[in-house]
Amino acid sequence: MRQFFSVCLLLSMATPMLAQNRIQLTHAEADKRVSVTVDGKPFTAYIYPGPDVLKKPVLYPIQSAGGHFITRGWPLDPRPGERVDHPHHVGMWFNYGDVNGHDFWNNSIDIGPEHKGPFGTIVHTGVKSMKSGKDKAELTVTADWLDKDGKRMLEETTTYVFRGDAASRTIDRITTLKADGKDVLFKDNKEGMIALRMARQLEQPSTKPELFTDAQGVQTKVPVMNNEGVTGMYRSSEGVTGDAVWGTRGNWMSLSGTVEGEPISVVLFDHPKNVDYPTYWHARGYGLFAANPLGRSVLSSGKEPALNYTLPAGKSVTFRHRLLIQSGNVDETAVTKQVAEFSR
């Protein structure tokens, strides 16, 4: 009987603790993923399947408070009607197109002949800490940025902070890069730096085929597709909208649309302590949503001088970003509040 009451006491003590951990992290090492749930509902996962599948760890997939996917499924989990371009666009990621001459951005297991390299790879090295909680959960991971020969150029430490309530989900990503052994040059380049590939419904409707050219002159043709259910629209902190947001500066960018009947606003925030704040935006109507603080010249079409940011050997730099996924339309007051809170 005494043993029975002891078990009951332990259960009664454990239940409130579990209830407090509304935002839960679960590490499945065999699957190489850390799943994130809010009140038992899937939110996202940090996945690191390795370079035979992905050339960098990513957050994938990402879901709204209403349970709808805001990120594209292809190439990992294709969905009907999706675009099948840019196989390196997976979930939410962080890398760059020219790091000591290495292309981290375009690297994938399906590199087209138009991309010549050399390519860099980001390899997960460990889960440093994870903490579930009532109001937020925190995950800290490490990774190495490797050159074409497998030698480390950068040591990465990233902390994710996950929050959520009945109508919103939030991800803070704080990434510190440390140069290993020698100086690291991030040459002014269009392809960077924190990015998402959005679900088809959050793309902007395409009215004509388009051709995009990268810094090496490689061209990608994006065809017109069936626009049924495609409702996305960009808007920057400076009031710029639609395709015109590309190559403009701003301290935040929103993308609003409707996914299976749920109005959703996705807002990506820059931070005042980031390099060359406010960031340039590498945002395209076909679903690429990226902030690039290091491509000053190419993104301004040569109107500003190249940044060519150099990180000295042994030194570190930190990049801070926040992603807000709001069910329903997000108004200026809510965005201003997020800016003030995140900028502290």
Protein backbone atom coordinates (compact mmCIF):
# COMPACT_ATOMS: atom_id res chain seq x y z
CA MET A 1 0.00 0.00 0.00
CA ARG A 2 2.86 2.36 0.89
CA GLN A 3 4.43 1.66 -2.52
CA PHE A 4 1.11 2.42 -4.24
CA PHE A 5 0.83 5.82 -2.54
CA SER A 6 4.48 6.58 -3.40
CA VAL A 7 3.76 5.93 -7.09
CA CYS A 8 0.65 8.10 -6.94
CA LEU A 9 2.65 10.90 -5.34
CA LEU A 10 5.29 10.73 -8.05
CA LEU A 11 2.64 10.79 -10.79
CA SER A 12 0.87 13.75 -9.18
CA MET A 13 4.17 15.63 -9.07
CA ALA A 14 5.08 14.73 -12.67
CA THR A 15 1.74 15.72 -14.24
CA PRO A 16 2.03 19.48 -13.51
CA MET A 17 5.62 19.41 -14.79
CA LEU A 18 4.50 17.84 -18.07
CA ALA A 19 1.62 20.30 -18.35
CA GLN A 20 4.03 23.22 -17.95
CA ASN A 21 6.09 22.04 -20.93
CA ARG A 22 3.62 23.28 -23.54
CA ILE A 23 6.46 23.65 -26.04
CA GLN A 24 8.16 20.28 -26.19
CA LEU A 25 11.42 19.18 -27.79
CA THR A 26 11.94 15.49 -28.57
CA HIS A 27 15.26 14.22 -29.89
CA ALA A 28 15.06 11.07 -32.03
CA GLU A 29 18.76 10.41 -32.57
CA ALA A 30 18.17 7.41 -34.84
CA ASP A 31 16.05 9.60 -37.13
CA LYS A 32 18.46 12.53 -36.83
CA ARG A 33 15.75 15.00 -35.87
CA VAL A 34 14.56 17.10 -32.97
CA SER A 35 10.79 17.54 -33.16
CA VAL A 36 9.04 20.63 -31.79
CA THR A 37 5.40 20.54 -30.66
CA VAL A 38 3.11 23.20 -29.16
CA ASP A 39 0.35 21.85 -26.93
CA GLY A 40 0.92 18.47 -28.55
CA LYS A 41 0.56 19.81 -32.11
CA PRO A 42 3.44 19.53 -34.62
CA PHE A 43 5.27 22.81 -35.22
CA THR A 44 8.60 22.00 -36.88
CA ALA A 45 11.70 19.82 -36.62
CA TYR A 46 15.43 20.39 -36.73
CA ILE A 47 16.66 17.70 -39.12
CA TYR A 48 20.22 16.70 -39.92
CA PRO A 49 20.04 13.63 -42.19
CA GLY A 50 23.60 14.14 -43.44
CA PRO A 51 25.18 15.16 -46.76
CA ASP A 52 23.87 12.08 -48.59
CA VAL A 53 20.39 13.65 -48.24
CA LEU A 54 20.89 17.36 -47.43
CA LYS A 55 24.02 19.46 -47.60
CA LYS A 56 23.04 21.41 -44.47
CA PRO A 57 20.77 20.96 -41.40
CA VAL A 58 17.39 22.68 -41.75
CA LEU A 59 14.10 23.29 -39.97
CA TYR A 60 11.57 21.21 -41.87
CA PRO A 61 8.63 21.22 -42.21
CA ILE A 62 7.18 24.33 -40.55
CA GLN A 63 3.46 24.49 -39.70
CA SER A 64 1.13 27.26 -38.65
CA ALA A 65 -0.96 27.29 -35.47
CA GLY A 66 -3.80 25.98 -37.63
CA GLY A 67 -1.68 22.99 -38.63
CA HIS A 68 -1.01 23.99 -42.24
CA PHE A 69 2.40 23.74 -43.91
CA ILE A 70 4.02 27.06 -44.74
CA THR A 71 7.10 25.42 -46.30
CA ARG A 72 7.30 23.51 -49.59
CA GLY A 73 7.33 19.72 -49.45
CA TRP A 74 9.51 18.97 -52.50
CA PRO A 75 12.07 17.43 -52.71
CA LEU A 76 11.67 15.55 -49.41
CA ASP A 77 7.85 15.13 -49.37
CA PRO A 78 6.38 16.23 -52.72
CA ARG A 79 2.83 17.60 -52.79
CA PRO A 80 0.53 17.92 -55.81
CA GLY A 81 0.95 21.14 -57.79
CA GLU A 82 4.29 22.19 -56.31
CA ARG A 83 7.21 23.61 -58.22
CA VAL A 84 10.15 21.23 -58.60
CA ASP A 85 12.97 23.75 -59.07
CA HIS A 86 15.97 24.56 -56.86
CA PRO A 87 16.47 21.26 -54.97
CA HIS A 88 18.64 23.10 -52.44
CA HIS A 89 15.59 25.09 -51.23
CA VAL A 90 14.42 22.99 -48.26
CA GLY A 91 12.49 24.27 -45.24
CA MET A 92 14.29 27.08 -43.40
CA TRP A 93 18.08 27.21 -43.70
CA PHE A 94 21.14 29.43 -43.21
CA ASN A 95 24.14 29.50 -45.55
CA TYR A 96 25.83 31.58 -48.25
CA GLY A 97 26.82 31.47 -51.90
CA ASP A 98 30.51 32.43 -51.70
CA VAL A 99 32.55 31.56 -48.60
CA ASN A 100 36.27 31.53 -49.42
CA GLY A 101 35.20 30.72 -52.97
CA HIS A 102 32.91 27.85 -51.94
CA ASP A 103 29.22 27.75 -52.85
CA PHE A 104 27.20 26.55 -49.86
CA TRP A 105 23.86 27.86 -51.18
CA ASN A 106 23.48 25.79 -54.36
CA ASN A 107 24.89 22.53 -53.00
CA SER A 108 22.50 19.56 -53.09
CA ILE A 109 22.47 15.90 -54.07
CA ASP A 110 21.00 16.98 -57.42
CA ILE A 111 23.38 19.69 -58.63
CA GLY A 112 22.74 20.67 -62.23
CA PRO A 113 25.62 21.04 -64.71
CA GLU A 114 25.11 24.81 -64.63
CA HIS A 115 26.56 24.96 -61.09
CA LYS A 116 30.33 24.48 -61.21
CA GLY A 117 31.35 24.77 -57.55
CA PRO A 118 33.52 24.27 -55.64
CA PHE A 119 30.81 23.49 -53.11
CA GLY A 120 30.78 23.74 -49.33
CA THR A 121 28.83 21.48 -46.98
CA ILE A 122 27.45 22.15 -43.49
CA VAL A 123 27.58 19.07 -41.26
CA HIS A 124 25.74 18.76 -37.93
CA THR A 125 28.14 17.94 -35.10
CA GLY A 126 25.95 17.82 -32.02
CA VAL A 127 22.96 18.80 -29.92
CA LYS A 128 24.59 20.94 -27.24
CA SER A 129 21.48 21.52 -25.13
CA MET A 130 17.70 21.36 -25.29
CA LYS A 131 15.09 22.63 -22.87
CA SER A 132 11.31 22.36 -23.18
CA GLY A 133 9.10 24.85 -21.36
CA LYS A 134 5.76 26.52 -20.74
CA ASP A 135 6.38 29.70 -22.73
CA LYS A 136 9.33 28.71 -24.89
CA ALA A 137 11.71 25.91 -25.76
CA GLU A 138 15.40 26.32 -26.54
CA LEU A 139 17.61 24.13 -28.71
CA THR A 140 21.34 24.72 -29.19
CA VAL A 141 23.17 22.79 -31.91
CA THR A 142 26.63 22.83 -33.48
CA ALA A 143 27.81 22.32 -37.05
CA ASP A 144 30.94 22.61 -39.20
CA TRP A 145 31.15 24.49 -42.50
CA LEU A 146 33.45 22.31 -44.62
CA ASP A 147 35.30 23.10 -47.83
CA LYS A 148 35.44 20.80 -50.86
CA ASP A 149 38.18 18.74 -49.19
CA GLY A 150 36.27 18.31 -45.93
CA LYS A 151 38.37 20.85 -44.02
CA ARG A 152 36.52 23.09 -41.57
CA MET A 153 36.32 26.77 -42.42
CA LEU A 154 33.72 27.82 -39.88
CA GLU A 155 32.45 26.45 -36.60
CA GLU A 156 28.73 27.17 -36.12
CA THR A 157 26.77 27.35 -32.88
CA THR A 158 23.05 28.03 -33.31
CA THR A 159 20.36 28.52 -30.70
CA TYR A 160 16.73 28.20 -31.72
CA VAL A 161 14.02 29.64 -29.47
CA PHE A 162 10.53 28.30 -30.19
CA ARG A 163 7.29 29.92 -28.97
CA GLY A 164 3.63 29.39 -29.75
CA ASP A 165 0.05 30.13 -28.75
CA ALA A 166 -3.41 29.54 -30.16
CA ALA A 167 -2.83 31.88 -33.11
CA SER A 168 0.92 32.14 -33.70
CA ARG A 169 4.27 30.40 -33.89
CA THR A 170 7.66 32.09 -33.49
CA ILE A 171 11.23 30.97 -34.18
CA ASP A 172 14.30 32.95 -33.13
CA ARG A 173 17.52 31.80 -34.74
CA ILE A 174 20.77 33.07 -33.20
CA THR A 175 23.78 31.81 -35.15
CA THR A 176 27.43 32.39 -34.23
CA LEU A 177 30.11 31.59 -36.82
CA LYS A 178 33.77 31.29 -35.77
CA ALA A 179 36.55 31.31 -38.35
CA ASP A 180 38.76 28.25 -38.00
CA GLY A 181 42.45 28.51 -38.85
CA LYS A 182 42.41 31.35 -41.37
CA ASP A 183 40.40 34.38 -42.41
CA VAL A 184 37.05 33.67 -44.03
CA LEU A 185 35.79 35.93 -46.83
CA PHE A 186 32.07 36.15 -47.52
CA LYS A 187 32.31 37.66 -50.98
CA ASP A 188 29.45 39.94 -52.04
CA ASN A 189 26.93 37.46 -53.48
CA LYS A 190 23.21 37.30 -54.19
CA GLU A 191 22.72 33.82 -52.70
CA GLY A 192 22.15 34.20 -48.96
CA MET A 193 21.63 34.01 -46.11
CA ILE A 194 18.69 33.01 -43.91
CA ALA A 195 15.95 31.64 -46.13
CA LEU A 196 12.71 29.70 -46.48
CA ARG A 197 11.10 28.00 -49.45
CA MET A 198 7.39 28.61 -49.10
CA ALA A 199 4.39 26.40 -49.77
CA ARG A 200 2.77 26.83 -53.19
CA GLN A 201 -0.25 28.69 -51.73
CA LEU A 202 2.08 31.38 -50.32
CA GLU A 203 3.80 32.06 -53.61
CA GLN A 204 2.74 35.14 -55.56
CA PRO A 205 0.56 34.34 -58.58
CA SER A 206 2.77 34.14 -61.69
CA THR A 207 1.50 35.90 -64.80
CA LYS A 208 4.45 35.24 -67.12
CA PRO A 209 7.55 33.04 -67.30
CA GLU A 210 10.59 34.61 -65.66
CA LEU A 211 14.34 34.19 -65.98
CA PHE A 212 16.64 34.72 -63.00
CA THR A 213 20.44 35.04 -63.21
CA ASP A 214 22.82 34.41 -60.30
CA ALA A 215 26.20 36.02 -59.59
CA GLN A 216 27.98 33.54 -61.89
CA GLY A 217 25.62 34.26 -64.78
CA VAL A 218 23.72 30.98 -64.37
CA GLN A 219 20.12 31.36 -65.51
CA THR A 220 17.04 29.64 -64.06
CA LYS A 221 13.75 29.75 -65.95
CA VAL A 222 10.63 29.85 -63.77
CA PRO A 223 7.51 28.97 -65.79
CA VAL A 224 3.94 30.15 -65.35
CA MET A 225 1.85 27.63 -63.38
CA ASN A 226 -1.78 27.13 -62.44
CA ASN A 227 -2.49 29.93 -59.97
CA GLU A 228 -5.54 28.37 -58.35
CA GLY A 229 -5.24 28.84 -54.58
CA VAL A 230 -2.02 30.87 -54.91
CA THR A 231 -2.47 34.01 -52.82
CA GLY A 232 0.91 35.26 -51.56
CA MET A 233 1.91 38.92 -51.36
CA TYR A 234 5.14 40.44 -50.03
CA ARG A 235 5.25 43.69 -48.07
CA SER A 236 8.36 45.26 -46.55
CA SER A 237 8.83 47.52 -43.54
CA GLU A 238 9.35 50.35 -46.05
CA GLY A 239 5.94 49.82 -47.67
CA VAL A 240 7.28 48.14 -50.83
CA THR A 241 5.05 45.33 -52.13
CA GLY A 242 5.05 42.40 -54.53
CA ASP A 243 8.05 41.59 -56.74
CA ALA A 244 9.45 45.07 -56.12
CA VAL A 245 10.70 44.01 -52.67
CA TRP A 246 13.66 42.15 -54.21
CA GLY A 247 16.92 44.03 -53.72
CA THR A 248 15.49 46.54 -51.24
CA ARG A 249 16.47 47.15 -47.63
CA GLY A 250 14.13 46.80 -44.66
CA ASN A 251 14.15 45.64 -41.06
CA TRP A 252 11.31 43.19 -41.72
CA MET A 253 9.40 41.55 -44.53
CA SER A 254 5.96 39.97 -44.46
CA LEU A 255 4.40 37.40 -46.78
CA SER A 256 0.65 37.02 -46.46
CA GLY A 257 -1.74 34.55 -48.05
CA THR A 258 -4.26 31.80 -47.41
CA VAL A 259 -3.46 28.11 -47.00
CA GLU A 260 -6.45 25.74 -47.14
CA GLY A 261 -8.77 28.39 -45.76
CA GLU A 262 -6.41 29.68 -43.06
CA PRO A 263 -5.22 33.28 -43.53
CA ILE A 264 -1.51 33.34 -42.65
CA SER A 265 1.10 36.08 -42.34
CA VAL A 266 4.76 35.07 -42.25
CA VAL A 267 7.12 37.82 -41.07
CA LEU A 268 10.93 37.63 -41.04
CA PHE A 269 12.74 40.17 -38.84
CA ASP A 270 16.29 41.47 -39.07
CA HIS A 271 18.14 42.56 -35.90
CA PRO A 272 19.93 45.90 -35.30
CA LYS A 273 23.12 44.09 -34.20
CA ASN A 274 23.41 42.17 -37.48
CA VAL A 275 26.04 43.05 -40.07
CA ASP A 276 24.99 45.92 -42.40
CA TYR A 277 21.54 46.38 -40.80
CA PRO A 278 18.93 46.78 -42.20
CA THR A 279 19.29 43.77 -44.44
CA TYR A 280 18.72 43.46 -48.17
CA TRP A 281 15.92 41.08 -49.20
CA HIS A 282 16.40 38.24 -51.65
CA ALA A 283 12.67 37.50 -51.93
CA ARG A 284 11.10 36.05 -55.07
CA GLY A 285 7.47 35.54 -56.03
CA TYR A 286 8.03 31.85 -56.79
CA GLY A 287 8.48 31.10 -53.08
CA LEU A 288 12.04 32.01 -52.07
CA PHE A 289 11.91 34.21 -48.95
CA ALA A 290 15.42 35.24 -47.87
CA ALA A 291 17.28 37.99 -46.01
CA ASN A 292 20.83 38.65 -47.17
CA PRO A 293 22.94 41.14 -45.17
CA LEU A 294 26.16 40.39 -47.07
CA GLY A 295 25.20 40.94 -50.74
CA ARG A 296 25.15 44.71 -50.68
CA SER A 297 26.50 45.42 -54.18
CA VAL A 298 24.77 42.70 -56.18
CA LEU A 299 21.40 43.25 -54.47
CA SER A 300 21.58 47.01 -55.01
CA SER A 301 22.48 46.38 -58.68
CA GLY A 302 25.82 48.08 -58.10
CA LYS A 303 24.41 51.22 -56.50
CA GLU A 304 26.30 50.46 -53.27
CA PRO A 305 29.91 49.25 -52.94
CA ALA A 306 30.60 45.57 -52.34
CA LEU A 307 30.67 44.55 -48.68
CA ASN A 308 33.00 41.53 -49.03
CA TYR A 309 32.75 40.79 -45.32
CA THR A 310 35.90 39.22 -43.82
CA LEU A 311 35.86 37.26 -40.56
CA PRO A 312 39.42 37.09 -39.17
CA ALA A 313 40.86 33.75 -38.06
CA GLY A 314 39.72 32.83 -34.56
CA LYS A 315 37.07 35.58 -34.46
CA SER A 316 33.28 35.18 -34.35
CA VAL A 317 30.24 36.93 -35.76
CA THR A 318 26.62 36.47 -34.68
CA PHE A 319 23.47 36.76 -36.81
CA ARG A 320 20.05 37.09 -35.16
CA HIS A 321 16.70 36.62 -36.91
CA ARG A 322 13.08 36.03 -35.91
CA LEU A 323 10.32 34.31 -37.88
CA LEU A 324 6.69 34.97 -36.94
CA ILE A 325 3.89 32.82 -38.35
CA GLN A 326 0.58 34.49 -37.51
CA SER A 327 -2.80 32.95 -38.20
CA GLY A 328 -4.87 35.79 -39.63
CA ASN A 329 -3.57 39.11 -40.87
CA VAL A 330 -0.84 40.72 -38.78
CA ASP A 331 -1.28 44.47 -38.31
CA GLU A 332 1.37 47.17 -37.98
CA THR A 333 0.90 47.39 -34.20
CA ALA A 334 1.69 43.71 -33.75
CA VAL A 335 4.74 43.95 -36.02
CA THR A 336 6.00 47.04 -34.17
CA LYS A 337 5.65 45.16 -30.89
CA GLN A 338 7.65 42.24 -32.27
CA VAL A 339 10.37 44.60 -33.53
CA ALA A 340 10.68 46.27 -30.12
CA GLU A 341 10.75 42.95 -28.26
CA PHE A 342 13.23 41.27 -30.60
CA SER A 343 15.56 44.29 -30.80
CA ARG A 344 16.28 44.41 -27.06
